[in-house]
Amino acid sequence: MLFGHVLREFMVPLVCCLLGFTALFLFNSVFDDIPDFLRRPATAAGGPSWEVPLYFVLTQPANLLNVLPMSVLLAGSFLISLMGKHHELVAVRAAGISLTRMALPIWLVAAALCGVSFVIGEWVVPECTARAQDIRERWTSSRTRLRRQARLVYHSRETRRDWFFETFDAEAVHAGVFVKQFTLDDSIDWELRAARARYADGIWVFEDCEVVPFDPTTQLPLEDQAQRQAAWPRPDLTETPDRIVHQVRPVEGLSVRQIRATLRANPDLPPQVRASLRSTIGFRLSFSLACLVGALYGVGLSVTRERGSAMRGFAYAVGLMVAYTMVAQLGLVLARKGLGPPWLGSVVPTLAFLAAGVVIMHRRR
């Protein structure tokens, strides 16, 4: 009976906080970005009118990762303050039930939201962010600029190959493809030039292409020895479109599994790049526990035995949550720059604030 009562009283402010914060972020996004859509260049590609509201919807999952922990904190603090006002906490303690046991529904909901936060950050945010960026570029950039942005250069340290795409499309046919193979002494071995290329069934197929060998001494192309074919399958080229796009995409747009795949496929990455990728993995995994941090502070700091101190405890809880977010982001920035072990800046802040919340809860139980 107590479990159901606490759960109901907690879910109402939680849902209200989630809706309120989401609406605020949505309005802020609309006011910030809608002028760019209204002032779009005459040469912009554009698209269906429904893509504009879709863009603002697609930007919300990334905001939700920060909204969830603060909503849990506010809902927990509101519930404890309300129960204290109605003397329910006194009755619970008189019945021999600890505050930690009474708040079990809050811990369970916070733990479930930790899982939801991880799923959103791992699967939803990267896809939504990429699609929103695509809509924004088509509506606010000229066709000339879009063509220039579609160009892509990729270097594989493992295979010693350079790739250049005049137009890169991870799900369709690529246009204007150049592949340059280097030897161990960094001289050019051969160059492949193709009008089009597609990747199907694990094999690159180049259309209207030629492979030109280079003289090892002069490093000049031997055009008279070029091999030309209308369609040329090349199973020896092991790079995949996914691997290429994951390497060149900003790390913020990659999921944990994509980052791990990039690390496995590129063992010779520069130390700072490797530190940036590893610290991002640690941050994503640890920051998903932020909802538990918010629950511990919201409940623990709202329990008071003095009149007038509830608001002070609420202010402390909000201040600590803001401090946690700032410290976690600062630690991530330092870890990405290679200043210390990746786990030190990306994981330790969350674990430290989580431990502090457990201590606070233990003292107030």
Protein backbone atom coordinates (compact mmCIF):
# COMPACT_ATOMS: atom_id res chain seq x y z
CA MET A 1 0.00 0.00 0.00
CA LEU A 2 2.81 2.41 0.91
CA PHE A 3 4.69 1.36 -2.23
CA GLY A 4 1.76 2.25 -4.50
CA HIS A 5 1.12 5.55 -2.69
CA VAL A 6 4.72 6.70 -3.01
CA LEU A 7 4.87 5.59 -6.64
CA ARG A 8 1.72 7.52 -7.59
CA GLU A 9 2.78 10.65 -5.75
CA PHE A 10 6.21 10.50 -7.38
CA MET A 11 5.07 9.88 -10.96
CA VAL A 12 2.75 12.90 -11.12
CA PRO A 13 5.44 15.57 -10.56
CA LEU A 14 7.92 13.52 -12.60
CA VAL A 15 5.67 13.54 -15.67
CA CYS A 16 4.91 17.23 -15.17
CA CYS A 17 8.63 18.06 -14.96
CA LEU A 18 9.41 16.02 -18.07
CA LEU A 19 6.66 17.72 -20.07
CA GLY A 20 7.58 21.17 -18.77
CA PHE A 21 11.31 20.87 -19.46
CA THR A 22 10.68 19.31 -22.88
CA ALA A 23 8.36 22.18 -23.79
CA LEU A 24 10.95 24.74 -22.66
CA PHE A 25 13.71 23.13 -24.71
CA LEU A 26 11.38 22.86 -27.70
CA PHE A 27 10.40 26.55 -27.52
CA ASN A 28 14.04 27.55 -27.14
CA SER A 29 14.99 25.45 -30.17
CA VAL A 30 12.17 26.96 -32.24
CA PHE A 31 13.10 30.56 -31.38
CA ASP A 32 16.79 29.88 -32.03
CA ASP A 33 16.51 27.97 -35.31
CA ILE A 34 13.32 29.10 -37.04
CA PRO A 35 14.94 32.33 -38.38
CA ASP A 36 17.48 30.19 -40.26
CA PHE A 37 14.67 28.28 -41.97
CA LEU A 38 12.80 31.49 -42.81
CA ARG A 39 15.91 33.14 -44.28
CA ARG A 40 16.95 30.11 -46.32
CA PRO A 41 18.84 30.86 -49.57
CA ALA A 42 16.91 30.87 -52.83
CA THR A 43 19.19 28.09 -54.10
CA ALA A 44 18.59 25.83 -51.08
CA ALA A 45 17.31 22.37 -51.90
CA GLY A 46 14.54 22.55 -49.29
CA GLY A 47 11.97 19.79 -49.00
CA PRO A 48 8.40 19.08 -47.88
CA SER A 49 7.03 21.64 -45.42
CA TRP A 50 6.46 18.96 -42.77
CA GLU A 51 10.24 18.53 -42.45
CA VAL A 52 10.51 21.81 -40.51
CA PRO A 53 8.42 20.67 -37.49
CA LEU A 54 10.03 17.24 -37.82
CA TYR A 55 13.44 18.89 -37.40
CA PHE A 56 12.45 20.35 -34.03
CA VAL A 57 11.06 17.01 -32.88
CA LEU A 58 14.30 15.28 -33.86
CA THR A 59 16.36 17.68 -31.72
CA GLN A 60 14.53 16.75 -28.51
CA PRO A 61 16.00 13.29 -27.69
CA ALA A 62 19.44 14.86 -27.10
CA ASN A 63 17.86 17.35 -24.67
CA LEU A 64 16.04 14.54 -22.89
CA LEU A 65 19.34 13.13 -21.63
CA ASN A 66 19.77 16.25 -19.47
CA VAL A 67 16.06 16.62 -18.67
CA LEU A 68 15.63 13.16 -17.12
CA PRO A 69 18.07 13.54 -14.15
CA MET A 70 16.81 17.00 -13.18
CA SER A 71 13.18 15.87 -13.46
CA VAL A 72 13.87 12.93 -11.14
CA LEU A 73 15.54 15.27 -8.64
CA LEU A 74 12.67 17.78 -8.66
CA ALA A 75 9.99 15.09 -8.43
CA GLY A 76 11.76 13.35 -5.54
CA SER A 77 12.29 16.61 -3.69
CA PHE A 78 8.66 17.65 -4.19
CA LEU A 79 7.39 14.28 -2.94
CA ILE A 80 9.51 14.31 0.23
CA SER A 81 8.61 17.93 0.98
CA LEU A 82 4.91 17.17 0.52
CA MET A 83 5.07 14.09 2.74
CA GLY A 84 6.93 16.09 5.39
CA LYS A 85 4.31 18.84 5.26
CA HIS A 86 1.53 16.30 5.85
CA HIS A 87 3.53 14.54 8.61
CA GLU A 88 3.63 11.33 6.58
CA LEU A 89 7.37 10.95 7.14
CA VAL A 90 6.79 10.96 10.90
CA ALA A 91 4.17 8.23 10.53
CA VAL A 92 6.45 6.14 8.33
CA ARG A 93 9.31 6.36 10.80
CA ALA A 94 6.97 5.59 13.70
CA ALA A 95 5.99 2.41 11.88
CA GLY A 96 9.65 1.36 11.84
CA ILE A 97 10.12 1.89 8.11
CA SER A 98 13.33 3.61 7.05
CA LEU A 99 13.33 6.42 4.52
CA THR A 100 15.46 4.29 2.21
CA ARG A 101 12.84 1.53 2.25
CA MET A 102 9.97 3.99 1.83
CA ALA A 103 11.65 5.53 -1.24
CA LEU A 104 12.03 2.14 -2.97
CA PRO A 105 9.62 3.15 -5.79
CA ILE A 106 11.79 6.19 -6.48
CA TRP A 107 14.95 4.08 -6.70
CA LEU A 108 13.24 1.63 -9.06
CA VAL A 109 11.90 4.36 -11.34
CA ALA A 110 15.28 6.13 -11.33
CA ALA A 111 17.07 2.87 -12.21
CA ALA A 112 14.59 2.24 -15.04
CA LEU A 113 15.17 5.76 -16.35
CA CYS A 114 18.92 5.11 -16.27
CA GLY A 115 18.30 2.28 -18.73
CA VAL A 116 15.99 4.50 -20.80
CA SER A 117 18.66 7.21 -20.84
CA PHE A 118 21.29 4.76 -22.10
CA VAL A 119 18.99 3.40 -24.81
CA ILE A 120 18.11 6.92 -25.98
CA GLY A 121 21.76 7.98 -26.04
CA GLU A 122 22.93 4.80 -27.76
CA TRP A 123 20.27 4.24 -30.41
CA VAL A 124 17.95 7.25 -30.68
CA VAL A 125 20.13 10.35 -30.34
CA PRO A 126 22.74 9.51 -33.05
CA GLU A 127 20.07 8.74 -35.65
CA CYS A 128 17.87 11.71 -34.76
CA THR A 129 20.83 14.10 -34.69
CA ALA A 130 22.07 12.93 -38.09
CA ARG A 131 18.63 13.25 -39.66
CA ALA A 132 18.01 16.66 -38.09
CA GLN A 133 21.37 17.88 -39.39
CA ASP A 134 20.49 16.62 -42.86
CA ILE A 135 17.17 18.51 -42.82
CA ARG A 136 18.81 21.69 -41.57
CA GLU A 137 21.53 21.59 -44.23
CA ARG A 138 19.05 21.02 -47.06
CA TRP A 139 16.85 23.89 -45.89
CA THR A 140 19.51 26.44 -44.93
CA SER A 141 22.45 25.72 -47.28
CA SER A 142 22.79 26.38 -51.00
CA ARG A 143 23.10 23.48 -53.42
CA THR A 144 26.71 24.45 -54.13
CA ARG A 145 27.59 24.28 -50.45
CA LEU A 146 25.78 20.95 -50.08
CA ARG A 147 27.79 19.47 -52.92
CA ARG A 148 30.98 20.69 -51.28
CA GLN A 149 29.91 19.20 -47.92
CA ALA A 150 29.14 15.88 -49.61
CA ARG A 151 32.84 15.47 -50.42
CA LEU A 152 34.68 13.15 -48.10
CA VAL A 153 38.31 12.25 -47.52
CA TYR A 154 39.29 9.18 -45.52
CA HIS A 155 42.71 7.82 -44.60
CA SER A 156 43.18 4.25 -43.39
CA ARG A 157 46.41 3.90 -41.42
CA GLU A 158 45.94 0.15 -41.20
CA THR A 159 45.73 -0.49 -44.97
CA ARG A 160 47.79 2.58 -45.99
CA ARG A 161 45.08 3.81 -48.34
CA ASP A 162 43.55 7.21 -49.02
CA TRP A 163 39.95 7.50 -50.22
CA PHE A 164 38.36 10.55 -51.81
CA PHE A 165 34.66 10.79 -52.67
CA GLU A 166 33.34 13.65 -54.76
CA THR A 167 29.89 12.65 -53.48
CA PHE A 168 29.59 10.23 -50.56
CA ASP A 169 26.28 8.51 -49.85
CA ALA A 170 26.49 5.76 -47.23
CA GLU A 171 23.31 4.08 -48.50
CA ALA A 172 23.53 4.53 -52.27
CA VAL A 173 26.00 5.03 -55.13
CA HIS A 174 29.11 7.13 -54.56
CA ALA A 175 30.34 9.40 -57.35
CA GLY A 176 33.85 10.50 -58.28
CA VAL A 177 35.81 7.96 -56.23
CA PHE A 178 39.60 7.94 -55.97
CA VAL A 179 41.59 5.34 -54.00
CA LYS A 180 45.32 5.74 -53.56
CA GLN A 181 47.46 2.86 -52.24
CA PHE A 182 50.77 3.63 -50.49
CA THR A 183 53.75 1.36 -49.83
CA LEU A 184 55.60 0.92 -46.54
CA ASP A 185 57.95 3.79 -47.42
CA ASP A 186 54.93 6.08 -48.11
CA SER A 187 55.40 6.13 -51.87
CA ILE A 188 52.38 5.71 -54.15
CA ASP A 189 51.86 2.18 -55.44
CA TRP A 190 48.72 2.68 -57.54
CA GLU A 191 45.68 4.88 -57.89
CA LEU A 192 42.13 3.81 -58.68
CA ARG A 193 39.80 6.30 -60.36
CA ALA A 194 36.10 5.51 -60.78
CA ALA A 195 33.11 7.48 -61.97
CA ARG A 196 30.88 5.58 -59.55
CA ALA A 197 31.21 3.01 -56.77
CA ARG A 198 28.81 0.96 -54.72
CA TYR A 199 29.25 -1.40 -51.79
CA ALA A 200 27.13 -4.55 -51.90
CA ASP A 201 27.42 -7.94 -50.21
CA GLY A 202 30.70 -6.95 -48.58
CA ILE A 203 32.46 -6.04 -51.85
CA TRP A 204 33.28 -2.72 -53.51
CA VAL A 205 32.24 -2.56 -57.16
CA PHE A 206 33.72 0.32 -59.17
CA GLU A 207 32.05 1.39 -62.41
CA ASP A 208 33.76 3.07 -65.36
CA CYS A 209 37.08 2.82 -63.55
CA GLU A 210 40.79 2.54 -64.16
CA VAL A 211 43.76 1.55 -62.01
CA VAL A 212 46.98 3.41 -62.75
CA PRO A 213 50.32 2.11 -61.37
CA PHE A 214 53.02 4.56 -60.30
CA ASP A 215 56.71 4.42 -61.04
CA PRO A 216 58.47 3.56 -57.75
CA THR A 217 61.42 5.82 -58.59
CA THR A 218 59.89 8.92 -60.15
CA GLN A 219 56.47 8.57 -58.48
CA LEU A 220 54.82 9.48 -61.78
CA PRO A 221 51.67 7.70 -63.02
CA LEU A 222 52.27 5.10 -65.72
CA GLU A 223 49.23 5.95 -67.83
CA ASP A 224 50.20 3.53 -70.60
CA GLN A 225 49.91 0.62 -68.11
CA ALA A 226 46.50 1.64 -66.79
CA GLN A 227 43.86 -1.10 -66.53
CA ARG A 228 40.33 -0.01 -67.46
CA GLN A 229 37.06 -1.84 -66.85
CA ALA A 230 33.37 -0.93 -67.00
CA ALA A 231 32.67 -2.73 -63.71
CA TRP A 232 35.43 -3.93 -61.41
CA PRO A 233 34.73 -5.81 -58.14
CA ARG A 234 37.52 -5.31 -55.59
CA PRO A 235 37.12 -7.68 -52.61
CA ASP A 236 40.68 -6.78 -51.51
CA LEU A 237 39.54 -3.32 -50.40
CA THR A 238 38.34 -4.03 -46.88
CA GLU A 239 37.14 -0.56 -45.87
CA THR A 240 33.35 -0.33 -45.55
CA PRO A 241 31.06 2.71 -45.90
CA ASP A 242 30.05 2.40 -42.23
CA ARG A 243 33.67 2.32 -41.13
CA ILE A 244 34.49 5.34 -43.29
CA VAL A 245 31.57 7.46 -42.14
CA HIS A 246 32.11 6.55 -38.46
CA GLN A 247 35.72 7.69 -38.70
CA VAL A 248 34.90 11.09 -40.18
CA ARG A 249 31.70 11.77 -38.23
CA PRO A 250 32.11 13.84 -35.03
CA VAL A 251 32.39 11.62 -31.98
CA GLU A 252 29.22 13.19 -30.52
CA GLY A 253 27.25 11.63 -33.38
CA LEU A 254 28.52 8.09 -32.75
CA SER A 255 27.04 5.45 -30.50
CA VAL A 256 29.14 3.42 -28.05
CA ARG A 257 29.08 0.37 -30.31
CA GLN A 258 30.19 2.49 -33.29
CA ILE A 259 33.04 3.99 -31.27
CA ARG A 260 34.18 0.54 -30.16
CA ALA A 261 34.05 -0.67 -33.77
CA THR A 262 36.18 2.30 -34.81
CA LEU A 263 38.76 1.51 -32.11
CA ARG A 264 38.94 -2.14 -33.14
CA ALA A 265 39.22 -1.33 -36.84
CA ASN A 266 41.91 1.34 -36.35
CA PRO A 267 44.52 0.10 -33.86
CA ASP A 268 47.03 2.76 -34.95
CA LEU A 269 44.93 5.83 -34.12
CA PRO A 270 46.85 8.81 -32.67
CA PRO A 271 46.92 8.74 -28.84
CA GLN A 272 44.73 11.85 -28.46
CA VAL A 273 42.09 10.47 -30.83
CA ARG A 274 42.09 7.15 -29.01
CA ALA A 275 41.81 8.94 -25.65
CA SER A 276 38.90 11.00 -26.98
CA LEU A 277 37.02 7.91 -28.14
CA ARG A 278 37.66 5.93 -24.96
CA SER A 279 36.67 8.82 -22.70
CA THR A 280 33.44 9.25 -24.68
CA ILE A 281 32.58 5.60 -24.08
CA GLY A 282 33.22 5.99 -20.35
CA PHE A 283 31.17 9.17 -20.16
CA ARG A 284 28.20 7.68 -22.03
CA LEU A 285 28.13 4.60 -19.80
CA SER A 286 28.59 6.49 -16.53
CA PHE A 287 26.35 9.48 -17.26
CA SER A 288 23.42 7.13 -17.77
CA LEU A 289 23.50 6.80 -13.94
CA ALA A 290 22.67 10.50 -13.58
CA CYS A 291 19.03 9.70 -12.81
CA LEU A 292 20.14 7.79 -9.71
CA VAL A 293 22.31 10.74 -8.69
CA GLY A 294 19.29 13.04 -9.04
CA ALA A 295 17.08 10.69 -7.02
CA LEU A 296 19.61 10.44 -4.16
CA TYR A 297 20.06 14.20 -3.91
CA GLY A 298 16.37 14.99 -4.39
CA VAL A 299 15.29 12.62 -1.61
CA GLY A 300 18.25 12.85 0.75
CA LEU A 301 18.60 16.63 0.90
CA SER A 302 14.84 17.25 1.17
CA VAL A 303 14.51 15.34 4.46
CA THR A 304 14.65 17.90 7.27
CA ARG A 305 13.76 18.09 10.93
CA GLU A 306 13.52 21.88 11.07
CA ARG A 307 10.94 24.27 9.72
CA GLY A 308 12.05 26.38 6.80
CA SER A 309 14.98 24.15 5.93
CA ALA A 310 13.15 22.20 3.21
CA MET A 311 13.70 24.97 0.68
CA ARG A 312 17.35 25.19 1.66
CA GLY A 313 17.74 21.45 1.11
CA PHE A 314 16.01 21.74 -2.26
CA ALA A 315 18.41 24.53 -3.27
CA TYR A 316 21.38 22.41 -2.20
CA ALA A 317 20.09 19.49 -4.26
CA VAL A 318 19.66 21.59 -7.40
CA GLY A 319 23.05 23.23 -6.88
CA LEU A 320 24.80 19.89 -6.48
CA MET A 321 23.08 18.52 -9.59
CA VAL A 322 24.20 21.53 -11.62
CA ALA A 323 27.71 21.17 -10.19
CA TYR A 324 27.71 17.48 -11.10
CA THR A 325 26.74 18.23 -14.70
CA MET A 326 29.43 20.90 -15.02
CA VAL A 327 32.16 18.74 -13.44
CA ALA A 328 31.21 15.76 -15.61
CA GLN A 329 31.35 17.84 -18.79
CA LEU A 330 34.64 19.46 -17.75
CA GLY A 331 36.13 16.06 -16.97
CA LEU A 332 35.05 14.80 -20.38
CA VAL A 333 36.71 17.75 -22.13
CA LEU A 334 39.98 17.19 -20.25
CA ALA A 335 39.88 13.44 -20.89
CA ARG A 336 39.30 13.98 -24.61
CA LYS A 337 42.40 16.15 -24.74
CA GLY A 338 44.44 13.32 -23.27
CA LEU A 339 45.04 15.02 -19.91
CA GLY A 340 45.16 11.93 -17.74
CA PRO A 341 43.64 8.46 -18.11
CA PRO A 342 40.35 8.45 -20.08
CA TRP A 343 38.40 6.95 -17.16
CA LEU A 344 39.59 9.61 -14.72
CA GLY A 345 37.71 12.49 -16.33
CA SER A 346 34.83 10.57 -17.87
CA VAL A 347 33.83 8.07 -15.17
CA VAL A 348 35.15 9.30 -11.80
CA PRO A 349 32.93 12.46 -11.56
CA THR A 350 29.75 10.40 -11.85
CA LEU A 351 30.97 7.76 -9.40
CA ALA A 352 32.10 10.45 -6.94
CA PHE A 353 28.78 12.31 -6.97
CA LEU A 354 26.89 9.01 -6.82
CA ALA A 355 28.90 7.97 -3.75
CA ALA A 356 28.24 11.37 -2.15
CA GLY A 357 24.52 10.87 -2.74
CA VAL A 358 24.64 7.44 -1.08
CA VAL A 359 26.41 8.96 1.95
CA ILE A 360 23.82 11.74 2.21
CA MET A 361 20.99 9.23 1.97
CA HIS A 362 22.59 7.00 4.61
CA ARG A 363 22.84 9.89 7.07
CA ARG A 364 19.25 11.04 6.49
CA ARG A 365 17.64 7.61 6.52
